[in-house]
């Protein structure tokens, strides 16, 4: 199931924020991460993996947001491997190629 949680809207759009959205984002490790931030959750609502990519040699993770750079795409594919371990290689390749082609 895909659920969108709206956070960090400003001005006239501030009323679009979901109550408790900021708290959920923080709970899943995305406080101050920027947007978009996303998390794949288990059936109990616990984050299995998030868009916070570990940075080699740096103390903090970095949010990949929309995966456009090679290292961001690589992390997104690792995320998918964690949550869909049986995904056929061909399917993950289709996703990878689409992201590379549509990197905004």
Protein backbone atom coordinates (compact mmCIF):
# COMPACT_ATOMS: atom_id res chain seq x y z
CA UNK A 1 0.00 0.00 0.00
CA UNK A 2 1.29 3.44 -0.88
CA UNK A 3 0.53 6.27 1.55
CA UNK A 4 1.48 9.90 0.95
CA UNK A 5 2.06 12.02 4.04
CA UNK A 6 2.16 15.76 3.37
CA UNK A 7 4.62 17.79 5.45
CA UNK A 8 6.48 21.09 5.34
CA UNK A 9 3.97 23.04 3.28
CA UNK A 10 4.09 26.82 3.71
CA UNK A 11 1.73 29.78 3.55
CA UNK A 12 -1.69 29.02 2.10
CA UNK A 13 -0.75 25.35 1.62
CA UNK A 14 0.20 24.77 5.27
CA UNK A 15 -3.28 23.41 5.92
CA UNK A 16 -2.45 20.49 3.59
CA UNK A 17 0.06 19.08 6.10
CA UNK A 18 -1.04 15.81 7.67
CA UNK A 19 -1.33 16.10 11.45
CA UNK A 20 1.54 14.10 12.96
CA UNK A 21 3.39 13.91 9.65
CA UNK A 22 6.53 15.62 10.94
CA UNK A 23 6.60 13.22 13.89
CA UNK A 24 6.33 10.21 11.58
CA UNK A 25 9.13 11.54 9.42
CA UNK A 26 11.32 11.98 12.51
CA UNK A 27 10.37 8.54 13.83
CA UNK A 28 11.57 6.98 10.57
CA UNK A 29 14.88 8.86 10.65
CA UNK A 30 13.94 11.70 8.34
CA UNK A 31 13.93 14.68 10.66
CA UNK A 32 15.58 17.55 8.76
CA UNK A 33 16.08 15.22 5.76
CA UNK A 34 14.39 17.42 3.20
CA UNK A 35 11.87 16.27 0.65
CA UNK A 36 11.04 13.96 -0.87
CA UNK A 37 11.72 11.54 1.95
CA UNK A 38 10.38 8.03 1.81
CA UNK A 39 10.37 4.88 3.90
CA UNK A 40 9.39 1.29 3.27
CA UNK A 41 7.58 -0.02 6.35
CA UNK A 42 6.85 -3.47 7.70
CA UNK A 43 3.35 -4.54 8.76
CA UNK A 44 3.87 -2.87 12.17
CA UNK A 45 4.77 0.53 10.74
CA UNK A 46 8.49 0.16 11.47
CA UNK A 47 10.86 1.47 8.80
CA UNK A 48 12.67 -1.38 7.07
CA UNK A 49 14.74 1.05 5.01
CA UNK A 50 14.48 4.75 4.15
CA UNK A 51 15.78 7.17 1.57
CA UNK A 52 18.59 8.09 4.00
CA UNK A 53 21.68 6.69 2.22
CA UNK A 54 24.73 5.97 4.38
CA UNK A 55 27.66 8.15 3.35
CA UNK A 56 30.99 6.36 3.41
CA UNK A 57 33.46 8.23 5.57
CA UNK A 58 30.87 10.70 6.87
CA UNK A 59 29.07 10.56 10.21
CA UNK A 60 25.57 11.22 8.84
CA UNK A 61 23.36 9.73 6.18
CA UNK A 62 22.05 11.78 3.27
CA UNK A 63 18.54 11.75 1.89
CA UNK A 64 18.54 10.65 -1.76
CA UNK A 65 15.21 12.39 -2.41
CA UNK A 66 14.29 11.66 -6.01
CA UNK A 67 16.99 9.17 -7.05
CA UNK A 68 18.73 10.80 -10.03
CA UNK A 69 22.48 10.56 -9.40
CA UNK A 70 24.19 7.16 -9.84
CA UNK A 71 24.79 6.72 -6.09
CA UNK A 72 21.16 7.65 -5.34
CA UNK A 73 19.84 5.17 -7.88
CA UNK A 74 22.14 2.50 -6.46
CA UNK A 75 20.76 3.15 -2.95
CA UNK A 76 17.17 3.02 -4.20
CA UNK A 77 17.86 -0.36 -5.81
CA UNK A 78 19.40 -1.58 -2.53
CA UNK A 79 16.25 -0.41 -0.77
CA UNK A 80 14.15 -2.46 -3.15
CA UNK A 81 16.35 -5.52 -2.56
CA UNK A 82 15.68 -5.22 1.18
CA UNK A 83 11.91 -4.98 0.87
CA UNK A 84 11.38 -7.16 -2.22
CA UNK A 85 14.16 -9.75 -1.94
CA UNK A 86 12.64 -11.98 -4.63
CA UNK A 87 12.33 -9.27 -7.28
CA UNK A 88 13.65 -10.64 -10.56
CA UNK A 89 16.81 -8.94 -11.83
CA UNK A 90 15.01 -8.00 -15.02
CA UNK A 91 12.45 -5.96 -13.10
CA UNK A 92 15.03 -4.07 -11.07
CA UNK A 93 16.93 -3.37 -14.30
CA UNK A 94 13.79 -1.84 -15.82
CA UNK A 95 13.46 0.44 -12.77
CA UNK A 96 17.14 1.38 -12.91
CA UNK A 97 17.00 2.23 -16.61
CA UNK A 98 13.82 4.28 -16.14
CA UNK A 99 15.42 6.29 -13.33
CA UNK A 100 18.55 6.92 -15.38
CA UNK A 101 16.48 8.05 -18.36
CA UNK A 102 14.15 10.27 -16.30
CA UNK A 103 16.61 11.87 -13.89
CA UNK A 104 15.25 15.29 -13.14
